[in-house]
N, C-alpha and C. Protein backbone atom coordinates (compact mmCIF):
# COMPACT_ATOMS: atom_id res chain seq x y z
N MET A 1 -20.35 45.62 125.88
CA MET A 1 -19.07 46.44 126.43
C MET A 1 -18.34 47.32 125.32
N PRO A 2 -17.97 48.22 125.76
CA PRO A 2 -17.27 49.18 124.63
C PRO A 2 -15.80 48.44 124.62
N LYS A 3 -15.33 48.58 123.25
CA LYS A 3 -14.06 48.30 122.81
C LYS A 3 -13.07 49.32 123.37
N LEU A 4 -12.07 48.42 123.96
CA LEU A 4 -10.82 49.23 124.63
C LEU A 4 -9.94 49.90 123.48
N ASP A 5 -9.35 50.97 123.57
CA ASP A 5 -8.35 51.29 122.56
C ASP A 5 -7.07 50.52 122.95
N GLU A 6 -6.67 50.08 121.97
CA GLU A 6 -5.17 49.31 121.90
C GLU A 6 -4.03 50.16 122.32
N PRO A 7 -3.19 49.64 123.48
CA PRO A 7 -2.51 50.36 123.85
C PRO A 7 -1.18 50.92 123.16
N GLU A 8 -0.72 52.06 123.23
CA GLU A 8 0.26 52.60 122.06
C GLU A 8 1.24 51.44 122.27
N LYS A 9 2.13 51.18 120.97
CA LYS A 9 3.15 50.33 121.00
C LYS A 9 4.21 50.96 121.17
N ILE A 10 4.97 50.47 122.28
CA ILE A 10 6.30 51.35 122.44
C ILE A 10 7.14 50.24 122.31
N GLU A 11 8.63 50.62 121.76
CA GLU A 11 9.63 49.91 121.93
C GLU A 11 10.19 49.93 123.16
N ARG A 12 10.15 48.69 123.76
CA ARG A 12 10.86 48.83 125.35
C ARG A 12 12.31 48.55 125.23
N ASN A 13 13.03 48.73 126.59
CA ASN A 13 14.24 48.38 126.78
C ASN A 13 14.43 47.68 127.82
N PRO A 14 14.04 46.37 128.06
CA PRO A 14 13.74 45.55 129.20
C PRO A 14 15.34 45.33 129.89
N ILE A 15 14.93 45.54 131.42
CA ILE A 15 15.92 45.48 132.36
C ILE A 15 16.65 44.16 132.41
N PRO A 16 17.96 44.42 132.53
CA PRO A 16 18.78 42.90 132.68
C PRO A 16 18.86 42.51 134.38
N VAL A 17 19.02 41.16 134.37
CA VAL A 17 19.16 40.80 136.26
C VAL A 17 20.57 41.41 136.64
N GLY A 18 20.51 41.84 137.94
CA GLY A 18 21.10 42.73 138.70
C GLY A 18 20.89 43.93 139.50
N ARG A 19 21.51 44.68 140.12
CA ARG A 19 21.40 45.66 141.07
C ARG A 19 21.20 46.93 140.00
N HIS A 20 20.25 47.76 140.18
CA HIS A 20 20.24 48.75 139.40
C HIS A 20 19.73 49.94 140.48
N VAL A 21 19.60 51.44 140.10
CA VAL A 21 19.50 52.53 140.46
C VAL A 21 18.07 52.98 139.64
N LEU A 22 16.93 52.94 140.20
CA LEU A 22 15.80 53.00 139.54
C LEU A 22 15.06 54.55 139.91
N THR A 23 14.73 55.07 139.09
CA THR A 23 13.70 56.19 139.27
C THR A 23 12.13 56.16 138.81
N LEU A 24 11.16 56.34 139.61
CA LEU A 24 10.04 56.33 139.06
C LEU A 24 9.61 57.48 138.19
N THR A 25 9.32 57.24 137.03
CA THR A 25 9.18 58.23 136.13
C THR A 25 7.62 58.48 135.78
N SER A 26 6.63 57.50 135.93
CA SER A 26 5.32 57.66 135.54
C SER A 26 4.29 56.71 136.28
N VAL A 27 3.21 57.00 136.81
CA VAL A 27 2.39 55.77 137.12
C VAL A 27 1.13 55.95 136.03
N LYS A 28 0.61 55.04 135.22
CA LYS A 28 -0.34 55.30 134.36
C LYS A 28 -1.37 54.27 134.36
N ASP A 29 -2.64 54.74 134.21
CA ASP A 29 -3.93 54.01 134.34
C ASP A 29 -3.92 52.91 133.63
N HIS A 30 -4.34 51.65 133.65
CA HIS A 30 -4.56 50.51 132.33
C HIS A 30 -5.85 49.96 132.83
N GLU A 31 -6.72 49.47 131.54
CA GLU A 31 -7.79 48.92 131.79
C GLU A 31 -8.05 47.87 130.52
N GLY A 32 -8.13 46.47 130.92
CA GLY A 32 -8.00 45.57 129.87
C GLY A 32 -8.83 44.30 130.10
N PRO A 33 -9.15 43.46 129.38
CA PRO A 33 -9.56 42.25 129.93
C PRO A 33 -8.66 41.36 130.58
N ASN A 34 -9.54 40.67 131.73
CA ASN A 34 -8.90 39.91 132.69
C ASN A 34 -8.82 38.69 132.31
N THR A 35 -7.78 38.26 131.44
CA THR A 35 -7.96 36.72 131.22
C THR A 35 -7.53 35.95 132.10
N TYR A 36 -7.18 36.29 133.29
CA TYR A 36 -6.78 35.35 134.54
C TYR A 36 -8.23 35.15 134.66
N GLN A 37 -9.39 35.75 134.76
CA GLN A 37 -10.81 35.36 135.43
C GLN A 37 -11.36 34.48 134.39
N PRO A 38 -12.56 33.96 134.78
CA PRO A 38 -13.12 33.17 133.70
C PRO A 38 -14.27 34.22 133.07
N GLN A 39 -14.91 33.94 131.91
CA GLN A 39 -15.48 34.94 130.96
C GLN A 39 -16.88 34.86 131.70
N VAL A 40 -17.73 35.97 131.55
CA VAL A 40 -19.00 36.31 132.18
C VAL A 40 -19.95 36.68 131.06
N LEU A 41 -21.17 36.74 131.26
CA LEU A 41 -22.12 36.91 130.32
C LEU A 41 -22.28 38.49 130.30
N ASN A 42 -22.39 39.12 129.03
CA ASN A 42 -22.67 40.49 129.20
C ASN A 42 -23.99 40.86 128.69
N ASP A 43 -24.64 41.42 129.79
CA ASP A 43 -26.45 41.52 129.69
C ASP A 43 -26.72 42.06 128.47
N GLU A 44 -25.87 43.01 128.10
CA GLU A 44 -26.24 43.98 127.20
C GLU A 44 -25.91 43.29 125.28
N THR A 45 -25.15 42.46 125.19
CA THR A 45 -24.85 41.78 124.15
C THR A 45 -25.01 40.21 124.01
N GLY A 46 -25.38 39.74 125.55
CA GLY A 46 -25.48 38.40 125.27
C GLY A 46 -24.40 37.44 124.96
N GLU A 47 -23.29 38.06 125.04
CA GLU A 47 -21.91 37.24 124.57
C GLU A 47 -21.14 37.17 125.96
N MET A 48 -20.26 36.13 126.01
CA MET A 48 -19.34 35.92 127.31
C MET A 48 -18.30 36.67 126.96
N GLU A 49 -17.80 37.45 127.84
CA GLU A 49 -16.56 38.23 127.89
C GLU A 49 -16.01 38.30 129.16
N TYR A 50 -14.42 38.48 129.04
CA TYR A 50 -13.56 38.51 130.07
C TYR A 50 -14.18 40.06 131.12
N PRO A 51 -14.12 40.00 132.30
CA PRO A 51 -14.39 40.87 133.17
C PRO A 51 -13.24 41.99 132.87
N ILE A 52 -13.27 43.35 133.17
CA ILE A 52 -12.26 44.18 133.07
C ILE A 52 -11.33 44.61 134.26
N ARG A 53 -9.77 44.30 133.95
CA ARG A 53 -9.04 44.75 135.09
C ARG A 53 -8.77 46.04 134.97
N ARG A 54 -8.58 47.00 136.03
CA ARG A 54 -8.18 48.22 136.18
C ARG A 54 -7.22 48.11 136.94
N GLU A 55 -5.95 48.72 136.31
CA GLU A 55 -4.73 48.56 137.47
C GLU A 55 -3.81 49.80 136.99
N TRP A 56 -2.63 50.10 137.74
CA TRP A 56 -1.78 51.07 137.30
C TRP A 56 -0.55 50.51 136.99
N ILE A 57 0.09 50.93 136.16
CA ILE A 57 1.36 50.74 135.72
C ILE A 57 2.31 51.72 136.21
N TRP A 58 3.36 51.12 137.14
CA TRP A 58 4.43 52.15 137.71
C TRP A 58 5.71 51.71 136.87
N GLN A 59 5.98 52.89 136.26
CA GLN A 59 6.96 52.76 135.16
C GLN A 59 8.37 53.32 135.51
N PHE A 60 9.22 52.56 135.85
CA PHE A 60 10.60 53.23 136.36
C PHE A 60 11.94 52.95 135.13
N GLU A 61 12.88 53.71 135.15
CA GLU A 61 13.75 53.96 134.22
C GLU A 61 15.23 53.82 135.00
N SER A 62 16.03 52.83 134.71
CA SER A 62 17.19 52.76 135.36
C SER A 62 18.12 53.66 134.77
N GLU A 63 19.30 53.90 135.73
CA GLU A 63 20.45 54.74 135.43
C GLU A 63 21.39 54.21 134.37
N THR A 64 21.31 52.66 134.49
CA THR A 64 22.23 52.20 133.57
C THR A 64 21.63 52.19 132.15
N VAL A 65 22.62 52.55 131.18
CA VAL A 65 22.49 52.82 129.72
C VAL A 65 22.73 51.53 128.94
N ASP A 66 21.95 51.15 128.28
CA ASP A 66 22.13 49.95 127.20
C ASP A 66 23.02 50.28 126.26
N LYS A 67 24.44 49.80 126.32
CA LYS A 67 25.43 50.13 125.43
C LYS A 67 24.97 49.91 123.91
N LYS A 68 24.05 48.75 123.77
CA LYS A 68 23.69 48.58 122.23
C LYS A 68 22.93 49.88 121.57
N THR A 69 21.83 50.34 122.41
CA THR A 69 20.75 51.05 122.20
C THR A 69 21.39 52.74 122.27
N GLY A 70 21.91 52.74 123.67
CA GLY A 70 22.05 54.15 124.09
C GLY A 70 20.58 54.74 125.10
N ARG A 71 19.94 53.85 125.06
CA ARG A 71 18.72 54.03 125.75
C ARG A 71 19.02 53.81 127.31
N LYS A 72 18.40 54.18 128.42
CA LYS A 72 18.18 53.69 129.75
C LYS A 72 17.25 52.62 129.52
N PHE A 73 17.83 51.33 130.70
CA PHE A 73 16.89 50.46 130.86
C PHE A 73 15.32 50.71 131.30
N GLU A 74 14.41 50.10 131.19
CA GLU A 74 13.30 50.50 131.57
C GLU A 74 12.40 48.98 132.44
N TYR A 75 11.59 49.50 133.59
CA TYR A 75 11.23 48.30 134.33
C TYR A 75 9.93 48.81 134.81
N ALA A 76 8.77 48.02 134.68
CA ALA A 76 7.38 48.36 134.89
C ALA A 76 6.75 47.21 136.24
N VAL A 77 5.87 47.64 137.18
CA VAL A 77 5.26 47.22 137.90
C VAL A 77 3.90 47.21 137.99
N TRP A 78 3.03 46.53 137.91
CA TRP A 78 1.44 46.45 137.69
C TRP A 78 1.02 46.38 138.90
N THR A 79 0.01 47.14 139.67
CA THR A 79 -0.61 46.73 140.50
C THR A 79 -1.73 47.27 140.33
N PRO A 80 -2.94 46.78 141.27
CA PRO A 80 -4.24 47.00 141.49
C PRO A 80 -4.36 48.40 141.84
N ARG A 81 -5.49 48.93 141.49
CA ARG A 81 -5.59 50.56 141.84
C ARG A 81 -6.20 50.60 143.56
N TYR A 82 -6.59 49.80 143.77
CA TYR A 82 -6.75 49.78 145.29
C TYR A 82 -5.61 49.33 146.70
N PHE A 83 -5.48 50.05 147.74
CA PHE A 83 -4.74 49.79 148.47
C PHE A 83 -5.38 49.41 149.90
N ASN A 84 -4.91 48.31 150.58
CA ASN A 84 -5.16 47.55 151.84
C ASN A 84 -4.07 47.78 152.85
N PRO A 85 -3.99 48.53 153.87
CA PRO A 85 -2.90 48.65 154.70
C PRO A 85 -2.68 47.46 155.41
N THR A 86 -3.73 46.46 155.41
CA THR A 86 -3.62 45.35 156.44
C THR A 86 -3.06 43.96 155.76
N SER A 87 -3.24 44.07 154.01
CA SER A 87 -3.15 43.05 153.14
C SER A 87 -1.62 42.99 153.00
N GLU A 88 -1.18 41.36 153.11
CA GLU A 88 -0.13 40.65 152.95
C GLU A 88 0.12 40.37 151.48
N THR A 89 -0.99 40.61 150.94
CA THR A 89 -0.65 40.11 149.09
C THR A 89 -1.03 40.82 148.32
N ASN A 90 -1.84 41.98 148.77
CA ASN A 90 -2.07 43.37 147.85
C ASN A 90 -0.84 43.56 147.05
N LYS A 91 -0.89 43.57 145.64
CA LYS A 91 0.19 44.05 144.91
C LYS A 91 1.12 45.60 145.16
N LEU A 92 -0.17 46.42 145.18
CA LEU A 92 0.24 47.77 145.58
C LEU A 92 0.67 48.09 147.09
N THR A 93 -0.25 47.47 148.14
CA THR A 93 0.39 47.56 149.30
C THR A 93 1.82 47.14 149.52
N LEU A 94 2.40 45.89 148.98
CA LEU A 94 3.21 45.49 148.93
C LEU A 94 4.44 46.41 148.43
N LEU A 95 4.43 46.98 147.25
CA LEU A 95 5.28 47.97 146.37
C LEU A 95 5.18 48.99 147.22
N ALA A 96 4.26 49.69 147.81
CA ALA A 96 4.32 50.98 148.63
C ALA A 96 4.89 50.56 149.81
N ARG A 97 4.93 49.63 150.26
CA ARG A 97 5.69 49.41 151.62
C ARG A 97 7.12 49.49 151.67
N MET A 98 7.58 48.86 150.27
CA MET A 98 8.91 48.76 149.84
C MET A 98 9.53 50.37 149.58
N LEU A 99 8.59 50.82 148.80
CA LEU A 99 8.80 52.41 148.12
C LEU A 99 9.26 53.32 149.63
N ALA A 100 8.42 53.13 150.38
CA ALA A 100 8.70 53.93 151.65
C ALA A 100 8.43 53.00 153.09
N PRO A 101 9.33 52.42 153.36
CA PRO A 101 9.25 51.18 154.48
C PRO A 101 9.23 51.79 155.78
N ASP A 102 9.32 53.28 155.89
CA ASP A 102 9.12 54.12 157.21
C ASP A 102 7.57 54.53 157.40
N ALA A 103 7.08 54.66 156.10
CA ALA A 103 5.78 55.23 156.47
C ALA A 103 4.71 54.03 156.94
N THR A 104 3.58 54.87 157.68
CA THR A 104 2.52 54.17 158.05
C THR A 104 1.41 53.86 156.93
N GLY A 105 0.57 53.64 157.07
CA GLY A 105 -0.63 52.88 156.31
C GLY A 105 -1.05 54.20 155.89
N ASP A 106 -1.44 54.93 156.61
CA ASP A 106 -2.22 56.49 156.13
C ASP A 106 -1.15 57.25 155.26
N GLU A 107 -0.03 57.19 155.94
CA GLU A 107 1.09 57.83 155.18
C GLU A 107 1.04 57.71 153.81
N LEU A 108 1.19 56.21 153.70
CA LEU A 108 1.14 55.55 152.26
C LEU A 108 0.30 55.80 151.25
N VAL A 109 -0.91 56.03 151.86
CA VAL A 109 -2.32 56.40 151.15
C VAL A 109 -2.21 57.87 150.63
N GLY A 110 -1.64 58.86 151.31
CA GLY A 110 -1.48 60.35 150.96
C GLY A 110 -0.22 60.06 149.92
N MET A 111 0.85 59.50 150.08
CA MET A 111 1.83 59.29 148.77
C MET A 111 1.29 58.78 147.71
N ILE A 112 0.53 57.90 147.70
CA ILE A 112 -0.20 57.20 146.58
C ILE A 112 -1.02 58.37 145.89
N GLU A 113 -1.73 59.14 146.53
CA GLU A 113 -2.84 59.58 146.03
C GLU A 113 -2.21 61.12 145.37
N THR A 114 -0.94 61.34 146.01
CA THR A 114 -0.37 62.76 145.35
C THR A 114 0.62 62.41 144.36
N ASP A 115 0.96 61.46 143.92
CA ASP A 115 1.93 61.16 143.06
C ASP A 115 3.16 61.48 144.03
N HIS A 116 3.34 61.06 145.05
CA HIS A 116 4.28 61.56 145.89
C HIS A 116 5.96 60.87 145.27
N PHE A 117 5.79 59.77 144.86
CA PHE A 117 6.76 58.67 144.40
C PHE A 117 7.38 59.27 143.26
N ILE A 118 6.78 59.65 142.17
CA ILE A 118 7.25 60.22 140.99
C ILE A 118 8.63 61.08 141.10
N GLY A 119 9.58 60.65 140.62
CA GLY A 119 10.75 61.34 140.72
C GLY A 119 11.72 60.71 141.46
N LYS A 120 11.31 59.90 142.41
CA LYS A 120 12.26 59.45 143.61
C LYS A 120 13.10 58.29 143.25
N ARG A 121 13.94 58.12 143.71
CA ARG A 121 15.20 56.89 143.38
C ARG A 121 15.22 55.72 144.20
N TRP A 122 15.64 54.66 143.77
CA TRP A 122 15.69 53.68 144.73
C TRP A 122 16.96 52.43 144.36
N ARG A 123 17.35 51.85 145.02
CA ARG A 123 18.41 50.82 144.79
C ARG A 123 17.42 49.60 144.60
N VAL A 124 17.35 48.72 143.52
CA VAL A 124 16.50 47.82 143.28
C VAL A 124 17.61 46.32 142.77
N ARG A 125 17.06 45.28 143.05
CA ARG A 125 17.39 43.94 142.78
C ARG A 125 16.40 43.34 141.79
N ILE A 126 16.98 43.15 140.43
CA ILE A 126 16.14 42.68 139.30
C ILE A 126 16.39 40.99 139.32
N VAL A 127 15.66 40.25 139.07
CA VAL A 127 15.89 38.94 139.00
C VAL A 127 14.85 38.35 137.68
N HIS A 128 15.29 37.37 136.87
CA HIS A 128 14.32 36.62 135.83
C HIS A 128 13.17 35.54 136.75
N THR A 129 12.27 35.48 136.32
CA THR A 129 11.48 34.40 136.75
C THR A 129 10.56 33.63 135.46
N VAL A 130 10.38 32.40 135.59
CA VAL A 130 9.63 31.79 134.33
C VAL A 130 8.17 31.67 134.92
N SER A 131 7.28 32.38 134.01
CA SER A 131 6.03 31.98 134.52
C SER A 131 5.50 30.56 134.10
N GLU A 132 4.22 30.20 134.93
CA GLU A 132 3.75 29.00 134.66
C GLU A 132 3.36 28.59 132.86
N LYS A 133 3.50 29.73 132.32
CA LYS A 133 3.16 29.55 130.68
C LYS A 133 4.59 29.51 129.99
N GLY A 134 5.84 29.57 130.62
CA GLY A 134 6.96 29.33 130.30
C GLY A 134 7.76 30.62 129.95
N LYS A 135 6.95 31.88 129.98
CA LYS A 135 7.38 33.07 129.81
C LYS A 135 8.19 33.58 130.98
N THR A 136 9.29 34.09 130.37
CA THR A 136 10.53 34.84 131.34
C THR A 136 10.14 36.27 131.55
N TYR A 137 9.90 36.76 132.59
CA TYR A 137 9.81 38.06 133.11
C TYR A 137 10.83 38.42 134.05
N ALA A 138 11.17 39.96 133.97
CA ALA A 138 11.76 40.65 135.12
C ALA A 138 10.84 40.86 136.42
N ARG A 139 11.63 40.63 137.46
CA ARG A 139 10.98 41.12 138.76
C ARG A 139 11.90 41.58 139.83
N HIS A 140 11.29 42.06 140.76
CA HIS A 140 12.44 42.89 141.92
C HIS A 140 12.31 42.22 143.04
N LEU A 141 13.47 42.01 143.72
CA LEU A 141 13.05 41.32 145.26
C LEU A 141 13.21 42.72 146.14
N TYR A 142 13.85 43.48 146.00
CA TYR A 142 13.61 44.69 146.79
C TYR A 142 13.75 45.82 146.26
N PHE A 143 13.30 46.97 146.95
CA PHE A 143 13.72 48.45 146.69
C PHE A 143 13.98 49.12 147.73
N ILE A 144 15.23 49.83 147.92
CA ILE A 144 15.71 50.43 149.17
C ILE A 144 15.70 51.84 148.82
N PRO A 145 14.98 52.69 149.15
CA PRO A 145 15.06 54.13 149.26
C PRO A 145 16.49 54.73 149.19
N LEU A 146 16.83 55.80 148.14
CA LEU A 146 17.89 56.45 148.17
C LEU A 146 17.59 58.22 148.98
N ALA A 147 18.49 58.38 149.15
CA ALA A 147 18.75 59.78 149.83
C ALA A 147 17.86 61.05 149.13
N GLY A 148 17.19 61.57 149.89
CA GLY A 148 15.73 62.54 149.03
C GLY A 148 14.81 61.75 149.05
N ASN A 149 14.66 60.50 149.52
CA ASN A 149 13.20 59.91 149.58
C ASN A 149 12.81 59.72 151.21
N SER A 150 12.89 60.85 151.69
CA SER A 150 12.29 61.35 153.02
C SER A 150 10.54 60.88 153.50
N VAL A 151 10.35 60.25 154.49
CA VAL A 151 9.10 60.23 155.00
C VAL A 151 8.59 61.49 155.53
N ASP A 152 9.72 62.57 155.67
CA ASP A 152 9.37 63.72 156.23
C ASP A 152 8.83 64.87 155.09
N GLU A 153 8.93 64.19 154.04
CA GLU A 153 8.20 65.03 152.85
C GLU A 153 6.66 64.32 152.54
N ILE A 154 6.35 63.68 153.46
CA ILE A 154 4.80 63.32 152.98
C ILE A 154 3.93 64.59 153.03
N PRO A 155 3.03 64.49 152.00
CA PRO A 155 2.11 65.67 151.89
C PRO A 155 0.87 65.18 153.24
N ALA A 156 0.52 66.45 153.70
CA ALA A 156 -0.67 66.16 154.61
C ALA A 156 -1.84 65.79 154.37
């Protein structure tokens, strides 16, 4: 199995709890070992390895500026790369439904495939959650589209 490049280490400005206006700045590809799954045998090397997880990282920037650093707060959502319009658990599907609540499944596919959401803005409620391993992380309760995020702008 090829070695994956280490992701660039970027000093992040984590988002605090509360209401924010967020703008989607980018959606990046990410591939890395899936440590949530059991290791599998690599037929080429004969070694046990974690399977590769392929995801998108949806990167948002808050309009709120951190008074200590002078930088805007950041928030990221990790999703799989596949969309399932009938799923009630797929993270990409759930996020897309929040980003464009009036869109149909086919319209959401068009939006995702064309980077339609880049530069759009939402009102978002951020809370902190503690993982099973005891790590605190930010998550969203909702995304409410702001003016200019119209379903009428959906690409054909």
